[in-house]
Amino acid sequence: MTRFVHWRPMTWVIAAWSALMLVWLAGDVTVGKIVLVLVIWVMGFAVLSVLWYMTRPLWRHGRGLRWRRLRSL
């Protein structure tokens, strides 16, 4: 249930970037501002996604997808 706490640091950066863009967009909504924020968000998201992919660990540390099925009660 608390697996999100163990996200990689770059995942937190991407989530913070998206939240920052959402807060900036929520301030004053005009058509020009929406387009500007979306363009900046997409460019930043693309750069951060490449960095996220490049900094991934070479192996898993035991957190993530489980290959064994969970037992039902």
PDB file of N, CA and C in Angstrom:
ATOM      1  N   MET A   1       0.810  -1.194   0.000  1.00  0.00           N
ATOM      2  CA  MET A   1       0.000   0.000   0.000  1.00  0.00           C
ATOM      3  C   MET A   1       0.857   1.263   0.000  1.00  0.00           C
ATOM      4  N   THR A   2       2.039   1.188   0.549  1.00  0.00           N
ATOM      5  CA  THR A   2       2.906   2.365   0.598  1.00  0.00           C
ATOM      6  C   THR A   2       4.064   2.251  -0.384  1.00  0.00           C
ATOM      7  N   ARG A   3       3.853   1.566  -1.477  1.00  0.00           N
ATOM      8  CA  ARG A   3       4.929   1.408  -2.454  1.00  0.00           C
ATOM      9  C   ARG A   3       5.311   2.721  -3.105  1.00  0.00           C
ATOM     10  N   PHE A   4       4.389   3.695  -3.154  1.00  0.00           N
ATOM     11  CA  PHE A   4       4.722   4.965  -3.771  1.00  0.00           C
ATOM     12  C   PHE A   4       5.817   5.692  -2.991  1.00  0.00           C
ATOM     13  N   VAL A   5       5.982   5.373  -1.708  1.00  0.00           N
ATOM     14  CA  VAL A   5       7.030   5.993  -0.906  1.00  0.00           C
ATOM     15  C   VAL A   5       8.402   5.588  -1.434  1.00  0.00           C
ATOM     16  N   HIS A   6       8.502   4.430  -2.039  1.00  0.00           N
ATOM     17  CA  HIS A   6       9.782   3.912  -2.512  1.00  0.00           C
ATOM     18  C   HIS A   6      10.033   4.210  -3.986  1.00  0.00           C
ATOM     19  N   TRP A   7       9.327   5.195  -4.540  1.00  0.00           N
ATOM     20  CA  TRP A   7       9.587   5.582  -5.926  1.00  0.00           C
ATOM     21  C   TRP A   7      11.000   6.112  -6.066  1.00  0.00           C
ATOM     22  N   ARG A   8      11.538   6.002  -7.259  1.00  0.00           N
ATOM     23  CA  ARG A   8      12.870   6.546  -7.526  1.00  0.00           C
ATOM     24  C   ARG A   8      12.814   8.070  -7.455  1.00  0.00           C
ATOM     25  N   PRO A   9      13.930   8.706  -7.119  1.00  0.00           N
ATOM     26  CA  PRO A   9      13.925  10.174  -7.008  1.00  0.00           C
ATOM     27  C   PRO A   9      13.480  10.892  -8.283  1.00  0.00           C
ATOM     28  N   MET A  10      13.847  10.383  -9.446  1.00  0.00           N
ATOM     29  CA  MET A  10      13.425  11.036 -10.690  1.00  0.00           C
ATOM     30  C   MET A  10      11.914  10.948 -10.877  1.00  0.00           C
ATOM     31  N   THR A  11      11.284   9.922 -10.359  1.00  0.00           N
ATOM     32  CA  THR A  11       9.828   9.825 -10.434  1.00  0.00           C
ATOM     33  C   THR A  11       9.193  10.943  -9.618  1.00  0.00           C
ATOM     34  N   TRP A  12       9.775  11.225  -8.449  1.00  0.00           N
ATOM     35  CA  TRP A  12       9.289  12.328  -7.626  1.00  0.00           C
ATOM     36  C   TRP A  12       9.492  13.662  -8.330  1.00  0.00           C
ATOM     37  N   VAL A  13      10.592  13.811  -9.049  1.00  0.00           N
ATOM     38  CA  VAL A  13      10.849  15.060  -9.782  1.00  0.00           C
ATOM     39  C   VAL A  13       9.805  15.244 -10.879  1.00  0.00           C
ATOM     40  N   ILE A  14       9.491  14.182 -11.602  1.00  0.00           N
ATOM     41  CA  ILE A  14       8.469  14.271 -12.657  1.00  0.00           C
ATOM     42  C   ILE A  14       7.103  14.610 -12.048  1.00  0.00           C
ATOM     43  N   ALA A  15       6.768  14.003 -10.926  1.00  0.00           N
ATOM     44  CA  ALA A  15       5.492  14.304 -10.266  1.00  0.00           C
ATOM     45  C   ALA A  15       5.457  15.754  -9.779  1.00  0.00           C
ATOM     46  N   ALA A  16       6.571  16.243  -9.229  1.00  0.00           N
ATOM     47  CA  ALA A  16       6.638  17.632  -8.764  1.00  0.00           C
ATOM     48  C   ALA A  16       6.545  18.599  -9.940  1.00  0.00           C
ATOM     49  N   TRP A  17       7.208  18.277 -11.058  1.00  0.00           N
ATOM     50  CA  TRP A  17       7.135  19.113 -12.259  1.00  0.00           C
ATOM     51  C   TRP A  17       5.684  19.221 -12.756  1.00  0.00           C
ATOM     52  N   SER A  18       4.999  18.106 -12.800  1.00  0.00           N
ATOM     53  CA  SER A  18       3.611  18.119 -13.258  1.00  0.00           C
ATOM     54  C   SER A  18       2.717  18.908 -12.300  1.00  0.00           C
ATOM     55  N   ALA A  19       2.937  18.751 -11.011  1.00  0.00           N
ATOM     56  CA  ALA A  19       2.151  19.497 -10.024  1.00  0.00           C
ATOM     57  C   ALA A  19       2.428  21.000 -10.131  1.00  0.00           C
ATOM     58  N   LEU A  20       3.680  21.372 -10.344  1.00  0.00           N
ATOM     59  CA  LEU A  20       4.038  22.785 -10.487  1.00  0.00           C
ATOM     60  C   LEU A  20       3.355  23.387 -11.717  1.00  0.00           C
ATOM     61  N   MET A  21       3.354  22.666 -12.811  1.00  0.00           N
ATOM     62  CA  MET A  21       2.696  23.165 -14.019  1.00  0.00           C
ATOM     63  C   MET A  21       1.186  23.287 -13.818  1.00  0.00           C
ATOM     64  N   LEU A  22       0.594  22.360 -13.073  1.00  0.00           N
ATOM     65  CA  LEU A  22      -0.839  22.426 -12.791  1.00  0.00           C
ATOM     66  C   LEU A  22      -1.170  23.639 -11.923  1.00  0.00           C
ATOM     67  N   VAL A  23      -0.333  23.910 -10.927  1.00  0.00           N
ATOM     68  CA  VAL A  23      -0.559  25.073 -10.062  1.00  0.00           C
ATOM     69  C   VAL A  23      -0.406  26.364 -10.859  1.00  0.00           C
ATOM     70  N   TRP A  24       0.612  26.414 -11.728  1.00  0.00           N
ATOM     71  CA  TRP A  24       0.826  27.601 -12.550  1.00  0.00           C
ATOM     72  C   TRP A  24      -0.359  27.826 -13.489  1.00  0.00           C
ATOM     73  N   LEU A  25      -0.881  26.761 -14.048  1.00  0.00           N
ATOM     74  CA  LEU A  25      -2.009  26.857 -14.963  1.00  0.00           C
ATOM     75  C   LEU A  25      -3.287  27.286 -14.242  1.00  0.00           C
ATOM     76  N   ALA A  26      -3.444  26.883 -12.997  1.00  0.00           N
ATOM     77  CA  ALA A  26      -4.676  27.171 -12.254  1.00  0.00           C
ATOM     78  C   ALA A  26      -4.789  28.634 -11.840  1.00  0.00           C
ATOM     79  N   GLY A  27      -3.691  29.380 -11.910  1.00  0.00           N
ATOM     80  CA  GLY A  27      -3.712  30.771 -11.461  1.00  0.00           C
ATOM     81  C   GLY A  27      -4.644  31.655 -12.271  1.00  0.00           C
ATOM     82  N   ASP A  28      -4.336  31.867 -13.522  1.00  0.00           N
ATOM     83  CA  ASP A  28      -5.130  32.728 -14.392  1.00  0.00           C
ATOM     84  C   ASP A  28      -5.287  32.018 -15.725  1.00  0.00           C
ATOM     85  N   VAL A  29      -6.496  31.619 -16.042  1.00  0.00           N
ATOM     86  CA  VAL A  29      -6.727  30.779 -17.215  1.00  0.00           C
ATOM     87  C   VAL A  29      -7.103  31.642 -18.418  1.00  0.00           C
ATOM     88  N   THR A  30      -6.214  31.684 -19.402  1.00  0.00           N
ATOM     89  CA  THR A  30      -6.490  32.276 -20.704  1.00  0.00           C
ATOM     90  C   THR A  30      -6.005  31.284 -21.751  1.00  0.00           C
ATOM     91  N   VAL A  31      -6.484  31.439 -22.958  1.00  0.00           N
ATOM     92  CA  VAL A  31      -6.125  30.494 -24.014  1.00  0.00           C
ATOM     93  C   VAL A  31      -4.627  30.522 -24.274  1.00  0.00           C
ATOM     94  N   GLY A  32      -4.044  31.722 -24.338  1.00  0.00           N
ATOM     95  CA  GLY A  32      -2.606  31.830 -24.579  1.00  0.00           C
ATOM     96  C   GLY A  32      -1.786  31.206 -23.478  1.00  0.00           C
ATOM     97  N   LYS A  33      -2.229  31.374 -22.227  1.00  0.00           N
ATOM     98  CA  LYS A  33      -1.497  30.798 -21.102  1.00  0.00           C
ATOM     99  C   LYS A  33      -1.605  29.284 -21.096  1.00  0.00           C
ATOM    100  N   ILE A  34      -2.751  28.756 -21.457  1.00  0.00           N
ATOM    101  CA  ILE A  34      -2.921  27.305 -21.502  1.00  0.00           C
ATOM    102  C   ILE A  34      -1.958  26.694 -22.507  1.00  0.00           C
ATOM    103  N   VAL A  35      -1.863  27.303 -23.685  1.00  0.00           N
ATOM    104  CA  VAL A  35      -0.956  26.792 -24.721  1.00  0.00           C
ATOM    105  C   VAL A  35       0.489  26.900 -24.255  1.00  0.00           C
ATOM    106  N   LEU A  36       0.875  28.037 -23.670  1.00  0.00           N
ATOM    107  CA  LEU A  36       2.244  28.231 -23.188  1.00  0.00           C
ATOM    108  C   LEU A  36       2.607  27.207 -22.120  1.00  0.00           C
ATOM    109  N   VAL A  37       1.742  27.021 -21.143  1.00  0.00           N
ATOM    110  CA  VAL A  37       2.013  26.076 -20.060  1.00  0.00           C
ATOM    111  C   VAL A  37       2.089  24.649 -20.595  1.00  0.00           C
ATOM    112  N   LEU A  38       1.211  24.281 -21.499  1.00  0.00           N
ATOM    113  CA  LEU A  38       1.245  22.925 -22.061  1.00  0.00           C
ATOM    114  C   LEU A  38       2.521  22.678 -22.860  1.00  0.00           C
ATOM    115  N   VAL A  39       2.969  23.665 -23.625  1.00  0.00           N
ATOM    116  CA  VAL A  39       4.215  23.509 -24.389  1.00  0.00           C
ATOM    117  C   VAL A  39       5.400  23.367 -23.449  1.00  0.00           C
ATOM    118  N   ILE A  40       5.474  24.213 -22.425  1.00  0.00           N
ATOM    119  CA  ILE A  40       6.580  24.133 -21.463  1.00  0.00           C
ATOM    120  C   ILE A  40       6.518  22.822 -20.696  1.00  0.00           C
ATOM    121  N   TRP A  41       5.306  22.399 -20.319  1.00  0.00           N
ATOM    122  CA  TRP A  41       5.180  21.137 -19.585  1.00  0.00           C
ATOM    123  C   TRP A  41       5.628  19.954 -20.424  1.00  0.00           C
ATOM    124  N   VAL A  42       5.224  19.907 -21.698  1.00  0.00           N
ATOM    125  CA  VAL A  42       5.596  18.783 -22.557  1.00  0.00           C
ATOM    126  C   VAL A  42       7.109  18.744 -22.772  1.00  0.00           C
ATOM    127  N   MET A  43       7.721  19.905 -23.002  1.00  0.00           N
ATOM    128  CA  MET A  43       9.180  19.928 -23.199  1.00  0.00           C
ATOM    129  C   MET A  43       9.908  19.475 -21.924  1.00  0.00           C
ATOM    130  N   GLY A  44       9.489  19.991 -20.787  1.00  0.00           N
ATOM    131  CA  GLY A  44      10.119  19.585 -19.526  1.00  0.00           C
ATOM    132  C   GLY A  44       9.881  18.123 -19.209  1.00  0.00           C
ATOM    133  N   PHE A  45       8.670  17.654 -19.474  1.00  0.00           N
ATOM    134  CA  PHE A  45       8.341  16.254 -19.223  1.00  0.00           C
ATOM    135  C   PHE A  45       9.179  15.341 -20.105  1.00  0.00           C
ATOM    136  N   ALA A  46       9.396  15.735 -21.356  1.00  0.00           N
ATOM    137  CA  ALA A  46      10.215  14.925 -22.269  1.00  0.00           C
ATOM    138  C   ALA A  46      11.658  14.831 -21.771  1.00  0.00           C
ATOM    139  N   VAL A  47      12.214  15.943 -21.348  1.00  0.00           N
ATOM    140  CA  VAL A  47      13.597  15.945 -20.833  1.00  0.00           C
ATOM    141  C   VAL A  47      13.693  15.114 -19.567  1.00  0.00           C
ATOM    142  N   LEU A  48      12.758  15.312 -18.642  1.00  0.00           N
ATOM    143  CA  LEU A  48      12.790  14.555 -17.390  1.00  0.00           C
ATOM    144  C   LEU A  48      12.548  13.065 -17.619  1.00  0.00           C
ATOM    145  N   SER A  49      11.725  12.720 -18.596  1.00  0.00           N
ATOM    146  CA  SER A  49      11.487  11.306 -18.896  1.00  0.00           C
ATOM    147  C   SER A  49      12.731  10.629 -19.440  1.00  0.00           C
ATOM    148  N   VAL A  50      13.470  11.325 -20.278  1.00  0.00           N
ATOM    149  CA  VAL A  50      14.734  10.772 -20.784  1.00  0.00           C
ATOM    150  C   VAL A  50      15.713  10.587 -19.634  1.00  0.00           C
ATOM    151  N   LEU A  51      15.809  11.580 -18.751  1.00  0.00           N
ATOM    152  CA  LEU A  51      16.690  11.447 -17.582  1.00  0.00           C
ATOM    153  C   LEU A  51      16.233  10.314 -16.671  1.00  0.00           C
ATOM    154  N   TRP A  52      14.927  10.168 -16.505  1.00  0.00           N
ATOM    155  CA  TRP A  52      14.387   9.086 -15.679  1.00  0.00           C
ATOM    156  C   TRP A  52      14.788   7.735 -16.261  1.00  0.00           C
ATOM    157  N   TYR A  53      14.680   7.609 -17.581  1.00  0.00           N
ATOM    158  CA  TYR A  53      15.022   6.345 -18.228  1.00  0.00           C
ATOM    159  C   TYR A  53      16.532   6.071 -18.139  1.00  0.00           C
ATOM    160  N   MET A  54      17.342   7.112 -18.291  1.00  0.00           N
ATOM    161  CA  MET A  54      18.793   6.927 -18.275  1.00  0.00           C
ATOM    162  C   MET A  54      19.333   6.612 -16.882  1.00  0.00           C
ATOM    163  N   THR A  55      18.635   7.030 -15.836  1.00  0.00           N
ATOM    164  CA  THR A  55      19.128   6.817 -14.479  1.00  0.00           C
ATOM    165  C   THR A  55      18.489   5.621 -13.796  1.00  0.00           C
ATOM    166  N   ARG A  56      17.820   4.774 -14.553  1.00  0.00           N
ATOM    167  CA  ARG A  56      17.181   3.615 -13.930  1.00  0.00           C
ATOM    168  C   ARG A  56      18.247   2.624 -13.451  1.00  0.00           C
ATOM    169  N   PRO A  57      17.979   1.903 -12.391  1.00  0.00           N
ATOM    170  CA  PRO A  57      18.953   0.937 -11.898  1.00  0.00           C
ATOM    171  C   PRO A  57      19.090  -0.243 -12.855  1.00  0.00           C
ATOM    172  N   LEU A  58      20.231  -0.889 -12.808  1.00  0.00           N
ATOM    173  CA  LEU A  58      20.473  -2.011 -13.698  1.00  0.00           C
ATOM    174  C   LEU A  58      19.683  -3.243 -13.283  1.00  0.00           C
ATOM    175  N   TRP A  59      19.254  -3.297 -12.039  1.00  0.00           N
ATOM    176  CA  TRP A  59      18.464  -4.422 -11.566  1.00  0.00           C
ATOM    177  C   TRP A  59      17.437  -3.898 -10.573  1.00  0.00           C
ATOM    178  N   ARG A  60      16.441  -4.716 -10.319  1.00  0.00           N
ATOM    179  CA  ARG A  60      15.401  -4.330  -9.367  1.00  0.00           C
ATOM    180  C   ARG A  60      15.872  -4.598  -7.945  1.00  0.00           C
ATOM    181  N   HIS A  61      15.348  -3.844  -7.015  1.00  0.00           N
ATOM    182  CA  HIS A  61      15.720  -3.978  -5.615  1.00  0.00           C
ATOM    183  C   HIS A  61      14.651  -4.671  -4.793  1.00  0.00           C
ATOM    184  N   GLY A  62      13.767  -5.392  -5.431  1.00  0.00           N
ATOM    185  CA  GLY A  62      12.749  -6.123  -4.704  1.00  0.00           C
ATOM    186  C   GLY A  62      11.437  -5.391  -4.563  1.00  0.00           C
ATOM    187  N   ARG A  63      11.361  -4.153  -5.034  1.00  0.00           N
ATOM    188  CA  ARG A  63      10.107  -3.409  -4.982  1.00  0.00           C
ATOM    189  C   ARG A  63       9.556  -3.331  -6.400  1.00  0.00           C
ATOM    190  N   GLY A  64       8.299  -3.477  -6.535  1.00  0.00           N
ATOM    191  CA  GLY A  64       7.696  -3.393  -7.855  1.00  0.00           C
ATOM    192  C   GLY A  64       6.809  -4.587  -8.131  1.00  0.00           C
ATOM    193  N   LEU A  65       6.794  -5.013  -9.366  1.00  0.00           N
ATOM    194  CA  LEU A  65       5.925  -6.098  -9.781  1.00  0.00           C
ATOM    195  C   LEU A  65       6.348  -7.401  -9.123  1.00  0.00           C
ATOM    196  N   ARG A  66       5.380  -8.085  -8.555  1.00  0.00           N
ATOM    197  CA  ARG A  66       5.658  -9.381  -7.945  1.00  0.00           C
ATOM    198  C   ARG A  66       5.328 -10.473  -8.948  1.00  0.00           C
ATOM    199  N   TRP A  67       6.179 -11.453  -9.050  1.00  0.00           N
ATOM    200  CA  TRP A  67       5.933 -12.560  -9.956  1.00  0.00           C
ATOM    201  C   TRP A  67       5.044 -13.614  -9.305  1.00  0.00           C
ATOM    202  N   ARG A  68       5.080 -13.697  -7.986  1.00  0.00           N
ATOM    203  CA  ARG A  68       4.216 -14.639  -7.290  1.00  0.00           C
ATOM    204  C   ARG A  68       2.857 -13.995  -7.073  1.00  0.00           C
ATOM    205  N   ARG A  69       1.828 -14.778  -7.215  1.00  0.00           N
ATOM    206  CA  ARG A  69       0.495 -14.274  -6.983  1.00  0.00           C
ATOM    207  C   ARG A  69       0.251 -14.101  -5.482  1.00  0.00           C
ATOM    208  N   LEU A  70      -0.499 -13.109  -5.139  1.00  0.00           N
ATOM    209  CA  LEU A  70      -0.859 -12.900  -3.739  1.00  0.00           C
ATOM    210  C   LEU A  70      -1.912 -13.918  -3.338  1.00  0.00           C
ATOM    211  N   ARG A  71      -1.777 -14.425  -2.153  1.00  0.00           N
ATOM    212  CA  ARG A  71      -2.761 -15.383  -1.664  1.00  0.00           C
ATOM    213  C   ARG A  71      -4.046 -14.662  -1.295  1.00  0.00           C
ATOM    214  N   SER A  72      -5.150 -15.219  -1.705  1.00  0.00           N
ATOM    215  CA  SER A  72      -6.428 -14.637  -1.320  1.00  0.00           C
ATOM    216  C   SER A  72      -6.837 -15.182   0.045  1.00  0.00           C
ATOM    217  N   LEU A  73      -7.566 -14.366   0.778  1.00  0.00           N
ATOM    218  CA  LEU A  73      -7.950 -14.765   2.132  1.00  0.00           C
ATOM    219  C   LEU A  73      -9.111 -15.705   2.131  1.00  0.00           C
TER     220      LEU A  73
END
